[in-house]
Protein backbone atom coordinates (compact mmCIF):
# COMPACT_ATOMS: atom_id res chain seq x y z
CA MET A 1 -120.72 87.64 43.04
CA THR A 2 -118.14 89.57 45.07
CA VAL A 3 -117.82 89.10 48.83
CA VAL A 4 -119.97 92.15 49.57
CA SER A 5 -122.57 91.16 46.99
CA ARG A 6 -122.91 87.72 48.57
CA VAL A 7 -123.36 89.26 52.01
CA LEU A 8 -126.09 91.62 50.77
CA TYR A 9 -127.79 88.82 48.87
CA TYR A 10 -127.75 86.56 51.94
CA ALA A 11 -129.18 89.35 54.13
CA TRP A 12 -132.06 89.92 51.77
CA SER A 13 -132.66 86.16 51.53
CA VAL A 14 -133.04 85.96 55.30
CA MET A 15 -135.44 88.91 55.27
CA ALA A 16 -137.45 87.30 52.49
CA GLU A 17 -137.80 84.07 54.47
CA GLU A 18 -138.91 85.97 57.57
CA SER A 19 -141.43 87.95 55.56
CA SER A 20 -143.13 84.76 54.35
CA VAL A 21 -144.84 84.48 57.73
CA GLY A 22 -146.12 88.06 57.47
CA GLU A 23 -148.16 89.91 54.95
CA LYS A 24 -148.08 88.61 51.40
CA GLY A 25 -147.48 92.05 49.89
CA ASN A 26 -144.48 92.73 52.08
CA GLY A 27 -142.90 89.42 51.12
CA THR A 28 -143.41 90.12 47.44
CA SER A 29 -141.70 93.54 47.80
CA ILE A 30 -138.65 92.04 49.49
CA GLN A 31 -138.43 89.31 46.87
CA THR A 32 -138.41 92.02 44.20
CA VAL A 33 -135.54 93.84 45.92
CA GLN A 34 -133.74 90.52 46.35
CA SER A 35 -134.09 89.84 42.62
CA ILE A 36 -132.69 93.28 41.77
CA LEU A 37 -129.70 92.81 44.10
CA SER A 38 -128.93 89.43 42.57
CA SER A 39 -128.48 91.12 39.17
CA ILE A 40 -126.02 93.77 40.45
CA LYS A 41 -122.31 93.34 41.13
CA LEU A 42 -120.55 95.45 43.76
CA GLY A 43 -116.88 96.23 43.25
CA GLY A 44 -114.24 98.87 43.90
CA GLY A 45 -111.86 99.32 46.77
CA ILE A 46 -110.41 101.53 49.47
CA SER A 47 -106.78 102.28 50.33
CA SER A 48 -105.05 104.66 52.69
CA GLY A 49 -101.54 105.33 53.94
CA TYR A 50 -98.59 107.64 54.54
CA PHE A 51 -96.81 109.35 51.63
CA TYR A 52 -93.49 111.23 51.64
CA THR A 53 -91.88 113.12 48.75
CA SER A 54 -88.56 114.97 48.85
CA ASN A 55 -88.14 118.27 46.98
CA PRO A 56 -91.88 119.04 46.75
CA GLY A 57 -91.41 122.69 45.72
CA GLU A 58 -91.57 125.93 47.69
CA ASP A 59 -95.31 125.71 48.30
CA GLY A 60 -95.67 121.93 48.39
CA ASP A 61 -96.06 119.58 51.36
CA ASP A 62 -93.47 116.85 51.54
CA ASP A 63 -95.64 114.35 53.42
CA ALA A 64 -99.27 113.55 54.22
CA PHE A 65 -101.63 110.82 55.33
CA LEU A 66 -103.86 110.16 52.32
CA LEU A 67 -107.10 108.41 51.62
CA SER A 68 -105.46 107.35 48.40
CA ASN A 69 -108.49 105.65 46.85
CA LEU A 70 -112.16 105.24 47.65
CA LEU A 71 -114.30 103.82 44.87
CA VAL A 72 -117.65 102.02 45.02
CA GLU A 73 -118.64 100.39 41.74
CA LEU A 74 -122.06 99.04 40.81
CA SER A 75 -122.53 97.13 37.57
CA SER A 76 -124.86 94.65 35.91
CA VAL A 77 -124.05 90.94 35.98
CA ASP A 78 -121.85 89.45 33.27
CA ASN A 79 -124.75 88.43 31.01
CA PRO A 80 -127.57 90.91 31.65
CA GLY A 81 -129.00 90.82 28.13
CA PRO A 82 -128.73 93.49 25.43
CA VAL A 83 -128.43 96.41 27.88
CA GLY A 84 -126.23 96.70 30.97
CA PHE A 85 -124.56 99.41 33.04
CA SER A 86 -121.49 100.28 35.07
CA THR A 87 -121.08 103.19 37.47
CA ALA A 88 -118.61 104.17 40.18
CA PHE A 89 -118.40 107.03 42.66
CA GLY A 90 -115.66 108.11 45.05
CA GLU A 91 -112.30 109.87 44.87
CA SER A 92 -108.65 109.21 44.15
CA SER A 93 -105.84 111.16 45.84
CA THR A 94 -102.75 109.14 44.99
CA PRO A 95 -100.15 111.31 43.23
CA SER A 96 -97.78 110.13 40.56
CA ILE A 97 -94.08 109.95 41.35
CA LEU A 98 -93.84 113.34 39.64
CA GLY A 99 -96.48 114.84 41.95
CA THR A 100 -96.73 115.62 45.67
CA PRO A 101 -98.99 114.19 48.42
CA GLU A 102 -102.33 116.00 48.56
CA ASN A 103 -105.72 114.75 49.71
CA ASN A 104 -108.53 115.04 47.19
CA THR A 105 -111.86 115.73 48.90
CA ASP A 106 -113.83 116.03 45.65
CA PHE A 107 -116.24 113.10 46.02
CA LYS A 108 -118.00 112.54 42.70
CA ILE A 109 -119.07 110.08 40.03
CA GLU A 110 -115.80 108.80 38.56
CA TYR A 111 -117.26 106.89 35.64
CA ALA A 112 -120.69 105.67 34.51
CA SER A 113 -121.97 104.13 31.32
CA VAL A 114 -124.91 102.40 29.71
CA ASN A 115 -123.66 99.40 27.74
CA ILE A 116 -125.52 98.07 24.72
CA ALA A 117 -124.78 94.81 22.89
CA PRO A 118 -126.68 95.09 19.58
CA ILE A 119 -125.09 91.95 18.08
CA SER A 120 -122.79 89.19 19.26
CA GLY A 121 -119.24 90.45 19.79
CA MET A 122 -120.17 94.14 19.56
CA ALA A 123 -120.52 96.55 22.49
CA LEU A 124 -121.49 100.22 22.67
CA GLU A 125 -120.67 102.26 25.79
CA MET A 126 -122.11 105.73 26.36
CA GLY A 127 -121.52 108.03 29.33
CA LEU A 128 -118.48 108.99 31.40
CA LEU A 129 -115.85 106.50 30.25
CA GLN A 130 -112.36 105.42 31.27
CA PRO A 131 -109.81 105.44 28.42
CA ASN A 132 -108.43 102.23 26.90
CA ALA A 133 -104.87 103.53 27.13
CA GLY A 134 -101.91 102.50 29.24
CA TYR A 135 -101.04 99.68 31.64
CA GLU A 136 -101.72 101.39 34.98
CA SER A 137 -105.12 102.31 36.42
CA THR A 138 -106.06 105.70 37.86
CA TYR A 139 -107.42 103.77 40.87
CA THR A 140 -104.13 102.39 42.11
CA TYR A 141 -105.39 99.52 44.27
CA ASN A 142 -105.70 97.87 40.83
CA ASN A 143 -101.97 98.45 40.21
CA LYS A 144 -98.92 96.63 41.50
CA ASN A 145 -97.37 99.93 42.68
CA ILE A 146 -98.82 102.49 45.12
CA THR A 147 -98.20 105.67 43.14
CA LEU A 148 -98.66 106.19 39.43
CA GLY A 149 -95.52 106.03 37.34
CA ALA A 150 -94.20 108.95 35.31
CA VAL A 151 -95.40 107.43 32.02
CA ALA A 152 -98.89 106.79 33.42
CA SER A 153 -99.08 110.31 34.87
CA GLN A 154 -99.68 111.84 31.44
CA GLN A 155 -102.14 109.30 30.06
CA PRO A 156 -105.73 110.48 29.43
CA TYR A 157 -108.32 110.63 32.18
CA ASN A 158 -112.06 109.85 32.13
CA ALA A 159 -114.20 111.74 29.62
CA TYR A 160 -117.84 112.01 28.47
CA GLY A 161 -118.59 110.35 25.17
CA ALA A 162 -119.21 107.03 23.43
CA ARG A 163 -117.09 104.04 22.46
CA ILE A 164 -117.83 101.04 20.27
CA SER A 165 -115.83 97.83 20.31
CA TYR A 166 -115.93 94.57 18.38
CA ASP A 167 -114.40 91.20 19.20
CA ALA A 168 -113.51 89.49 15.93
CA GLY A 169 -112.44 86.10 17.23
CA GLY A 170 -109.43 86.94 19.39
CA ILE A 171 -108.85 90.46 18.06
CA THR A 172 -110.72 93.28 19.81
CA MET A 173 -110.97 96.65 18.06
CA TRP A 174 -112.43 99.86 19.46
CA GLY A 175 -113.04 103.50 18.67
CA GLY A 176 -114.35 106.33 20.84
CA TYR A 177 -115.34 110.00 20.62
CA TYR A 178 -115.38 112.40 23.60
CA LYS A 179 -116.34 116.00 24.33
CA ASP A 180 -115.99 117.02 27.98
CA ARG A 181 -113.45 115.66 30.46
CA LEU A 182 -114.06 114.76 34.10
CA ASP A 183 -110.99 116.84 34.93
CA ASP A 184 -111.73 119.89 32.79
CA GLU A 185 -108.22 121.28 33.34
CA GLU A 186 -106.54 118.21 31.86
CA TYR A 187 -104.31 119.45 29.04
CA ASN A 188 -106.33 122.71 29.26
CA SER A 189 -108.37 121.34 26.37
CA PRO A 190 -112.07 122.21 25.96
CA ASP A 191 -112.10 120.56 22.53
CA TYR A 192 -113.10 117.08 21.45
CA ALA A 193 -110.97 113.94 21.61
CA TRP A 194 -111.03 110.51 19.99
CA GLU A 195 -109.36 107.18 20.56
CA ALA A 196 -108.85 104.01 18.53
CA GLY A 197 -107.12 100.77 19.34
CA VAL A 198 -106.73 97.04 18.95
CA LYS A 199 -105.93 94.23 21.38
CA THR A 200 -104.89 90.64 20.66
CA SER A 201 -102.70 87.81 21.91
CA ILE A 202 -99.59 86.60 20.05
CA ALA A 203 -97.41 83.72 21.30
CA GLY A 204 -98.66 84.10 24.85
CA ASN A 205 -98.24 87.89 24.88
CA ASP A 206 -101.27 90.16 25.34
CA ILE A 207 -100.70 93.18 23.11
CA SER A 208 -102.63 96.48 23.00
CA LEU A 209 -102.04 99.30 20.52
CA TYR A 210 -103.82 102.62 21.01
CA ASP A 211 -104.06 106.13 19.59
CA TYR A 212 -105.62 108.92 21.70
CA HIS A 213 -105.98 112.30 19.98
CA ILE A 214 -106.80 115.42 22.01
CA HIS A 215 -107.76 117.96 19.37
CA GLY A 216 -105.77 121.17 19.42
CA GLN A 217 -103.45 119.85 22.14
CA ARG A 218 -101.56 116.59 21.59
CA ASN A 219 -101.67 113.06 20.33
CA LEU A 220 -100.68 109.79 22.03
CA LEU A 221 -99.54 106.60 20.32
CA GLY A 222 -98.93 103.74 22.70
CA MET A 223 -98.39 100.04 23.18
CA VAL A 224 -98.76 97.64 26.11
CA VAL A 225 -97.35 94.10 26.13
CA GLU A 226 -98.20 91.76 29.04
CA ARG A 227 -97.13 88.22 29.85
CA THR A 228 -97.12 85.86 32.83
CA ILE A 229 -94.44 83.16 33.09
CA ASP A 230 -95.17 80.81 36.00
CA ASN A 231 -95.13 83.15 39.06
CA LEU A 232 -93.61 86.10 37.22
CA ASP A 233 -95.77 88.93 35.82
CA LEU A 234 -94.17 91.06 33.11
CA ALA A 235 -95.40 94.15 31.24
CA LEU A 236 -94.03 96.87 28.99
CA ASN A 237 -95.77 100.18 28.27
CA ILE A 238 -94.36 102.55 25.61
CA ASP A 239 -95.93 105.96 24.88
CA TYR A 240 -95.11 108.48 22.16
CA TRP A 241 -96.58 111.97 22.57
CA THR A 242 -96.62 114.72 19.94
CA TRP A 243 -97.85 118.29 20.30
CA ASP A 244 -100.57 119.42 17.90
CA ASP A 245 -99.42 121.47 14.91
CA ARG A 246 -101.28 124.49 16.34
CA ILE A 247 -99.03 124.76 19.38
CA LYS A 248 -95.83 122.88 18.50
CA SER A 249 -94.06 126.21 17.86
CA LEU A 250 -94.35 126.98 21.60
CA TYR A 251 -91.89 124.20 22.42
CA LYS A 252 -88.33 123.46 21.41
CA ASP A 253 -89.25 119.87 20.50
CA LYS A 254 -92.57 118.53 19.25
CA SER A 255 -92.48 115.03 20.70
CA SER A 256 -91.55 112.86 23.67
CA MET A 257 -91.13 109.10 24.10
CA GLY A 258 -91.34 107.17 27.36
CA GLY A 259 -91.29 103.55 28.43
CA ALA A 260 -92.11 101.66 31.63
CA LEU A 261 -91.04 98.08 32.38
CA TYR A 262 -92.95 96.15 35.07
CA ILE A 263 -91.46 93.06 36.73
CA CYS A 264 -93.37 91.33 39.53
CA PRO A 265 -92.29 88.01 41.10
CA ASN A 266 -95.04 86.37 43.21
CA ILE A 267 -93.96 84.14 46.09
CA GLY A 268 -97.02 82.79 47.89
CA ARG A 269 -98.75 85.76 49.50
CA LEU A 270 -95.75 88.04 48.86
CA SER A 271 -95.31 90.00 45.63
CA LEU A 272 -92.26 92.13 44.80
CA PRO A 273 -93.20 94.61 42.03
CA VAL A 274 -90.45 96.63 40.35
CA ARG A 275 -91.14 99.46 37.88
CA LEU A 276 -88.33 100.93 35.75
CA GLU A 277 -88.96 103.98 33.56
CA TYR A 278 -87.10 106.02 31.00
CA ILE A 279 -88.47 109.13 29.29
CA LYS A 280 -86.77 111.21 26.58
CA GLN A 281 -88.73 114.44 26.52
CA ASP A 282 -85.94 116.74 25.21
CA GLY A 283 -87.46 120.22 24.93
CA SER A 284 -91.10 119.16 24.69
CA ARG A 285 -91.84 119.71 28.43
CA ILE A 286 -94.59 117.07 28.24
CA TYR A 287 -93.78 115.25 31.50
CA ILE A 288 -91.92 117.96 33.46
CA ASP A 289 -92.45 121.61 32.50
CA CYS A 290 -88.78 122.54 32.40
CA GLY A 291 -86.73 123.19 29.29
CA ASN A 292 -83.59 121.83 30.97
CA THR A 293 -85.16 118.46 31.76
CA LYS A 294 -84.23 116.38 28.73
CA LYS A 295 -84.39 112.87 30.22
CA ILE A 296 -86.20 111.27 33.15
CA TYR A 297 -85.28 108.01 34.90
CA SER A 298 -87.18 106.31 37.70
CA ALA A 299 -87.08 103.09 39.71
CA THR A 300 -89.90 101.97 42.04
CA PHE A 301 -90.00 98.98 44.40
CA SER A 302 -93.28 98.07 46.14
CA PRO A 303 -93.17 94.85 48.24
CA THR A 304 -96.74 93.75 49.01
CA TRP A 305 -98.21 91.24 51.46
CA HIS A 306 -101.61 89.83 50.46
CA PHE A 307 -103.63 88.64 53.46
CA ASN A 308 -106.14 87.17 51.01
CA GLU A 309 -107.55 88.06 47.58
CA ASN A 310 -109.19 91.19 49.03
CA ALA A 311 -106.81 92.69 51.66
CA TYR A 312 -103.20 93.79 51.39
CA VAL A 313 -100.51 95.99 52.93
CA ARG A 314 -97.57 97.34 50.97
CA ALA A 315 -94.60 99.68 51.18
CA GLU A 316 -92.90 101.61 48.40
CA SER A 317 -89.62 103.32 47.69
CA ALA A 318 -88.97 105.24 44.48
CA TYR A 319 -86.22 107.44 43.09
CA ILE A 320 -86.62 109.81 40.13
CA SER A 321 -83.73 111.46 38.31
CA ALA A 322 -84.46 114.51 36.13
CA ASP A 323 -82.02 117.38 35.48
CA HIS A 324 -83.42 120.57 37.04
CA GLY A 325 -86.75 118.77 37.39
CA PHE A 326 -87.52 119.51 41.05
CA VAL A 327 -87.33 122.29 43.63
CA ASN A 328 -86.91 121.93 47.39
CA SER A 329 -88.76 123.91 50.07
CA ASP A 330 -86.10 126.65 49.91
CA GLY A 331 -86.57 127.17 46.18
CA ILE A 332 -83.31 125.47 45.21
CA VAL A 333 -83.39 123.45 41.98
CA LYS A 334 -82.67 119.74 42.39
CA ASP A 335 -82.01 116.90 39.96
CA GLY A 336 -83.64 114.09 41.92
CA ARG A 337 -86.50 113.10 44.17
CA THR A 338 -87.19 110.27 46.62
CA ASN A 339 -90.68 108.93 47.30
CA ILE A 340 -91.66 106.70 50.22
CA ALA A 341 -95.14 105.31 50.92
CA ILE A 342 -96.86 102.80 53.15
CA GLU A 343 -100.42 101.75 52.33
CA ALA A 344 -103.11 99.27 53.34
CA GLY A 345 -106.07 98.45 51.14
CA PHE A 346 -109.18 96.34 50.69
CA ILE A 347 -110.67 95.41 47.31
CA PHE A 348 -114.44 94.79 47.35
């Protein structure tokens, strides 16, 4: 159980003991609720802080205090039987390093699924699902950096559909089909999408390969490699985007390739995450909608102090270089941007 789950379970246990001296029916009811709570895990997190971005555009704000993440997750215990569930509600406001600070007040269900295990090693998820693509999470208290990287900024968001996966003795394979997206303006695509992928471990490296196809829009091929060496966490995420044949004529180039390298030394309660990114988008306009922005470079440093396994405070400094990629408040085109953030968070 998580910390919060244990607290709730203890509270109901005390109430159940007190009820034993009262009416029998009342005690039975509380015991039933106690049994239900013991089969549910509570997770999620909350984070908030100050965010600053230079060259935000003529109509953009360069700084804001953000409730960067608020997510409450309820799920069944690890071994609930053939049917389980997972659901989360809240909001996420954290921009990517290519975006600007803006609070999101749209409080909603972020993801929810019914999970069925028909046979050993196989799982079927149906509902509003998170994609199995990329290294970073939309809910950034799960990440080592405060803001999403440029590569992660274009990866698919949650969508309604179904996904089946199978663990074949150290190799996990999956495939999914989706119709509607939680963010219905993502890629401006009302059409269907599908994903397929495989994950395994080779010589101490965790490797994921994935393909996410958004019909009529674009296709993503990607790879994530992760490894931990003593107190050093390492990861590499490479994405290759191509426009669909229907619309590739609208752009000078059909494809774009980007990579993000993550290096995080851990020294006691202090971690020092570094993210380095390089994107070659040429004339595809996939990451920044500007024909003159051929290449994008970024470096992000996010020193973090962990009070314990649940609470942290962190700061972040990032610089992004992209020819003609940004505009300042006076409408003057700029080739670079600086991001600064300070954030505190608690993981349930």
